[in-house]
Amino acid sequence: MSEGLPTITHNIESAKIAGIEVVDGTEATSITGIMPTATVKNLLPKTTGPAYFSMWVHSTGDPVLVRTIIDFSADRAITITVSNWNALVHVTAAPTQ
């Protein structure tokens, strides 16, 4: 597998625990690091350098992802927030034309 969050987090350099924060009502451990240019290019092919990476995981219980932020530059970032783990989700097929 060469894509997805596990690959991205495996390639983070200088990762360190930055502290405990509350994200959307969930206590989470903040982890920061730098995403190397080669990994960033998989997400944003025209990038010219590394990106700053932050992620928050539940501080207690299972270490599930709460939020991820990848800062490519001052005006380009991706933020993914995951909430309501184990909540029932209904997916409806898109209408056909």
N, C-alpha and C. Protein backbone atom coordinates (compact mmCIF):
# COMPACT_ATOMS: atom_id res chain seq x y z
N MET A 1 0.85 -1.18 0.00
CA MET A 1 0.00 0.00 0.00
C MET A 1 0.89 1.23 0.00
N SER A 2 0.66 2.14 -0.94
CA SER A 2 1.50 3.33 -1.03
C SER A 2 0.72 4.61 -0.79
N GLU A 3 -0.54 4.49 -0.36
CA GLU A 3 -1.36 5.67 -0.14
C GLU A 3 -2.12 5.52 1.18
N GLY A 4 -2.75 6.59 1.59
CA GLY A 4 -3.59 6.55 2.78
C GLY A 4 -2.87 7.07 4.01
N LEU A 5 -3.66 7.27 5.06
CA LEU A 5 -3.14 7.83 6.30
C LEU A 5 -2.02 7.01 6.93
N PRO A 6 -2.09 5.67 6.95
CA PRO A 6 -0.97 4.92 7.54
C PRO A 6 0.36 5.21 6.85
N THR A 7 0.34 5.32 5.52
CA THR A 7 1.57 5.61 4.79
C THR A 7 2.07 7.02 5.10
N ILE A 8 1.13 7.96 5.16
CA ILE A 8 1.50 9.34 5.45
C ILE A 8 2.13 9.44 6.84
N THR A 9 1.48 8.86 7.84
CA THR A 9 2.00 8.98 9.20
C THR A 9 3.31 8.22 9.39
N HIS A 10 3.49 7.14 8.66
CA HIS A 10 4.74 6.37 8.74
C HIS A 10 5.93 7.20 8.25
N ASN A 11 5.69 8.12 7.33
CA ASN A 11 6.77 8.91 6.74
C ASN A 11 7.02 10.25 7.42
N ILE A 12 6.33 10.54 8.51
CA ILE A 12 6.52 11.81 9.21
C ILE A 12 7.89 11.83 9.88
N GLU A 13 8.61 12.93 9.69
CA GLU A 13 9.93 13.10 10.30
C GLU A 13 9.82 14.00 11.53
N SER A 14 10.70 13.79 12.48
CA SER A 14 10.77 14.60 13.70
C SER A 14 9.44 14.63 14.45
N ALA A 15 8.71 13.51 14.43
CA ALA A 15 7.42 13.46 15.12
C ALA A 15 7.61 13.57 16.63
N LYS A 16 6.74 14.34 17.27
CA LYS A 16 6.81 14.49 18.72
C LYS A 16 5.41 14.77 19.26
N ILE A 17 5.20 14.40 20.49
CA ILE A 17 3.95 14.70 21.17
C ILE A 17 4.00 16.16 21.60
N ALA A 18 2.99 16.92 21.17
CA ALA A 18 2.98 18.36 21.44
C ALA A 18 2.10 18.73 22.62
N GLY A 19 1.29 17.78 23.11
CA GLY A 19 0.45 18.08 24.26
C GLY A 19 -0.92 17.44 24.15
N ILE A 20 -1.79 17.84 25.06
CA ILE A 20 -3.17 17.35 25.11
C ILE A 20 -4.08 18.53 24.82
N GLU A 21 -5.06 18.34 23.95
CA GLU A 21 -6.02 19.37 23.60
C GLU A 21 -7.40 18.75 23.53
N VAL A 22 -8.42 19.59 23.56
CA VAL A 22 -9.78 19.13 23.36
C VAL A 22 -10.18 19.52 21.94
N VAL A 23 -10.55 18.50 21.14
CA VAL A 23 -10.96 18.71 19.75
C VAL A 23 -12.40 18.24 19.63
N ASP A 24 -13.30 19.17 19.35
CA ASP A 24 -14.73 18.85 19.23
C ASP A 24 -15.24 18.05 20.42
N GLY A 25 -14.82 18.44 21.61
CA GLY A 25 -15.30 17.80 22.83
C GLY A 25 -14.57 16.53 23.22
N THR A 26 -13.55 16.15 22.47
CA THR A 26 -12.79 14.92 22.73
C THR A 26 -11.38 15.27 23.17
N GLU A 27 -10.94 14.73 24.31
CA GLU A 27 -9.56 14.94 24.74
C GLU A 27 -8.64 14.15 23.81
N ALA A 28 -7.67 14.84 23.23
CA ALA A 28 -6.82 14.22 22.23
C ALA A 28 -5.36 14.62 22.42
N THR A 29 -4.48 13.68 22.11
CA THR A 29 -3.04 13.93 22.14
C THR A 29 -2.63 14.50 20.79
N SER A 30 -1.93 15.62 20.83
CA SER A 30 -1.47 16.28 19.61
C SER A 30 -0.07 15.78 19.26
N ILE A 31 0.10 15.39 18.01
CA ILE A 31 1.39 14.90 17.51
C ILE A 31 1.75 15.75 16.29
N THR A 32 2.96 16.28 16.27
CA THR A 32 3.38 17.13 15.16
C THR A 32 4.65 16.57 14.53
N GLY A 33 4.90 17.00 13.32
CA GLY A 33 6.11 16.58 12.62
C GLY A 33 6.16 17.22 11.25
N ILE A 34 7.10 16.75 10.45
CA ILE A 34 7.28 17.29 9.11
C ILE A 34 7.10 16.16 8.09
N MET A 35 6.30 16.44 7.07
CA MET A 35 6.08 15.49 6.00
C MET A 35 7.09 15.80 4.90
N PRO A 36 7.95 14.83 4.54
CA PRO A 36 8.96 15.09 3.52
C PRO A 36 8.34 15.39 2.16
N THR A 37 9.09 16.09 1.34
CA THR A 37 8.62 16.52 0.03
C THR A 37 8.10 15.36 -0.81
N ALA A 38 8.78 14.23 -0.80
CA ALA A 38 8.34 13.08 -1.62
C ALA A 38 6.94 12.62 -1.21
N THR A 39 6.63 12.63 0.07
CA THR A 39 5.29 12.23 0.55
C THR A 39 4.27 13.30 0.20
N VAL A 40 4.65 14.57 0.33
CA VAL A 40 3.75 15.67 0.01
C VAL A 40 3.37 15.63 -1.46
N LYS A 41 4.31 15.29 -2.32
CA LYS A 41 4.04 15.25 -3.76
C LYS A 41 2.95 14.24 -4.12
N ASN A 42 2.74 13.21 -3.29
CA ASN A 42 1.65 12.28 -3.53
C ASN A 42 0.29 12.93 -3.33
N LEU A 43 0.23 13.96 -2.47
CA LEU A 43 -1.02 14.66 -2.19
C LEU A 43 -1.18 15.91 -3.04
N LEU A 44 -0.08 16.60 -3.28
CA LEU A 44 -0.09 17.85 -4.01
C LEU A 44 1.10 17.84 -4.96
N PRO A 45 0.92 17.28 -6.17
CA PRO A 45 2.05 17.04 -7.08
C PRO A 45 2.92 18.25 -7.41
N LYS A 46 2.37 19.45 -7.39
CA LYS A 46 3.15 20.63 -7.76
C LYS A 46 3.91 21.25 -6.59
N THR A 47 3.92 20.58 -5.45
CA THR A 47 4.60 21.13 -4.28
C THR A 47 6.11 21.18 -4.51
N THR A 48 6.76 22.07 -3.80
CA THR A 48 8.21 22.21 -3.96
C THR A 48 8.96 21.97 -2.65
N GLY A 49 8.25 21.61 -1.60
CA GLY A 49 8.93 21.42 -0.33
C GLY A 49 8.12 20.59 0.63
N PRO A 50 8.64 20.43 1.85
CA PRO A 50 7.95 19.63 2.86
C PRO A 50 6.71 20.35 3.39
N ALA A 51 5.93 19.65 4.19
CA ALA A 51 4.73 20.23 4.81
C ALA A 51 4.77 19.97 6.30
N TYR A 52 4.13 20.85 7.06
CA TYR A 52 4.00 20.63 8.50
C TYR A 52 2.77 19.75 8.73
N PHE A 53 2.92 18.78 9.60
CA PHE A 53 1.87 17.78 9.84
C PHE A 53 1.49 17.80 11.30
N SER A 54 0.18 17.81 11.57
CA SER A 54 -0.33 17.71 12.94
C SER A 54 -1.46 16.71 12.93
N MET A 55 -1.53 15.88 13.97
CA MET A 55 -2.67 14.99 14.11
C MET A 55 -3.00 14.85 15.58
N TRP A 56 -4.28 14.59 15.85
CA TRP A 56 -4.77 14.42 17.20
C TRP A 56 -5.43 13.06 17.28
N VAL A 57 -5.08 12.29 18.30
CA VAL A 57 -5.67 10.97 18.53
C VAL A 57 -6.27 10.94 19.93
N HIS A 58 -7.31 10.11 20.11
CA HIS A 58 -7.94 9.99 21.43
C HIS A 58 -6.86 9.77 22.49
N SER A 59 -6.96 10.48 23.60
CA SER A 59 -5.99 10.33 24.68
C SER A 59 -6.27 9.11 25.54
N THR A 60 -7.52 8.64 25.55
CA THR A 60 -7.88 7.48 26.35
C THR A 60 -8.58 6.46 25.45
N GLY A 61 -8.56 5.22 25.86
CA GLY A 61 -9.20 4.18 25.05
C GLY A 61 -8.40 3.90 23.79
N ASP A 62 -9.11 3.49 22.76
CA ASP A 62 -8.44 3.19 21.49
C ASP A 62 -7.82 4.44 20.90
N PRO A 63 -6.62 4.33 20.32
CA PRO A 63 -5.95 5.51 19.74
C PRO A 63 -6.50 5.83 18.34
N VAL A 64 -7.76 6.28 18.30
CA VAL A 64 -8.36 6.60 17.01
C VAL A 64 -8.13 8.06 16.63
N LEU A 65 -8.08 8.29 15.35
CA LEU A 65 -7.83 9.62 14.81
C LEU A 65 -9.00 10.55 15.09
N VAL A 66 -8.69 11.77 15.53
CA VAL A 66 -9.71 12.79 15.75
C VAL A 66 -9.58 13.88 14.68
N ARG A 67 -8.36 14.33 14.41
CA ARG A 67 -8.14 15.39 13.40
C ARG A 67 -6.74 15.29 12.84
N THR A 68 -6.61 15.69 11.58
CA THR A 68 -5.31 15.79 10.91
C THR A 68 -5.27 17.11 10.17
N ILE A 69 -4.15 17.80 10.25
CA ILE A 69 -3.94 19.01 9.45
C ILE A 69 -2.59 18.88 8.76
N ILE A 70 -2.59 19.10 7.45
CA ILE A 70 -1.35 19.11 6.69
C ILE A 70 -1.23 20.50 6.09
N ASP A 71 -0.22 21.26 6.54
CA ASP A 71 0.01 22.62 6.04
C ASP A 71 1.08 22.58 4.97
N PHE A 72 0.65 22.81 3.72
CA PHE A 72 1.59 22.82 2.60
C PHE A 72 2.30 24.17 2.50
N SER A 73 1.55 25.25 2.76
CA SER A 73 2.09 26.61 2.69
C SER A 73 1.12 27.51 3.45
N ALA A 74 1.40 28.80 3.45
CA ALA A 74 0.55 29.74 4.18
C ALA A 74 -0.89 29.74 3.67
N ASP A 75 -1.10 29.42 2.39
CA ASP A 75 -2.45 29.47 1.84
C ASP A 75 -2.99 28.13 1.36
N ARG A 76 -2.29 27.02 1.68
CA ARG A 76 -2.76 25.69 1.27
C ARG A 76 -2.62 24.71 2.42
N ALA A 77 -3.77 24.16 2.82
CA ALA A 77 -3.76 23.18 3.91
C ALA A 77 -4.94 22.22 3.72
N ILE A 78 -4.78 21.04 4.28
CA ILE A 78 -5.87 20.07 4.31
C ILE A 78 -6.17 19.81 5.78
N THR A 79 -7.45 19.92 6.16
CA THR A 79 -7.89 19.60 7.52
C THR A 79 -8.94 18.51 7.42
N ILE A 80 -8.74 17.43 8.16
CA ILE A 80 -9.71 16.34 8.21
C ILE A 80 -10.07 16.14 9.67
N THR A 81 -11.36 16.27 10.00
CA THR A 81 -11.83 16.03 11.35
C THR A 81 -12.78 14.83 11.33
N VAL A 82 -12.51 13.88 12.21
CA VAL A 82 -13.30 12.66 12.27
C VAL A 82 -14.03 12.66 13.62
N SER A 83 -15.34 12.47 13.60
CA SER A 83 -16.10 12.47 14.84
C SER A 83 -17.19 11.41 14.79
N ASN A 84 -17.86 11.25 15.90
CA ASN A 84 -18.97 10.30 16.02
C ASN A 84 -18.57 8.87 15.65
N TRP A 85 -17.41 8.43 16.17
CA TRP A 85 -16.99 7.05 15.95
C TRP A 85 -18.08 6.11 16.41
N ASN A 86 -18.30 5.05 15.67
CA ASN A 86 -19.29 4.01 15.95
C ASN A 86 -20.73 4.48 15.77
N ALA A 87 -20.93 5.67 15.21
CA ALA A 87 -22.28 6.14 14.94
C ALA A 87 -22.80 5.46 13.67
N LEU A 88 -24.08 5.15 13.64
CA LEU A 88 -24.69 4.51 12.49
C LEU A 88 -24.74 5.51 11.34
N VAL A 89 -24.33 5.09 10.16
CA VAL A 89 -24.32 5.94 8.98
C VAL A 89 -25.17 5.28 7.90
N HIS A 90 -26.03 6.07 7.27
CA HIS A 90 -26.84 5.57 6.15
C HIS A 90 -26.33 6.22 4.87
N VAL A 91 -26.02 5.41 3.90
CA VAL A 91 -25.54 5.93 2.61
C VAL A 91 -26.61 5.63 1.58
N THR A 92 -27.03 6.68 0.87
CA THR A 92 -28.05 6.53 -0.14
C THR A 92 -27.39 6.64 -1.51
N ALA A 93 -27.79 5.77 -2.41
CA ALA A 93 -27.22 5.80 -3.76
C ALA A 93 -27.61 7.10 -4.45
N ALA A 94 -26.71 7.60 -5.25
CA ALA A 94 -26.97 8.83 -6.01
C ALA A 94 -28.05 8.54 -7.05
N PRO A 95 -28.91 9.51 -7.32
CA PRO A 95 -29.95 9.29 -8.33
C PRO A 95 -29.32 9.09 -9.71
N THR A 96 -29.91 8.23 -10.49
CA THR A 96 -29.41 8.01 -11.85
C THR A 96 -30.19 8.87 -12.81
N GLN A 97 -29.56 9.23 -13.88
CA GLN A 97 -30.22 10.10 -14.86
C GLN A 97 -30.48 9.38 -16.14
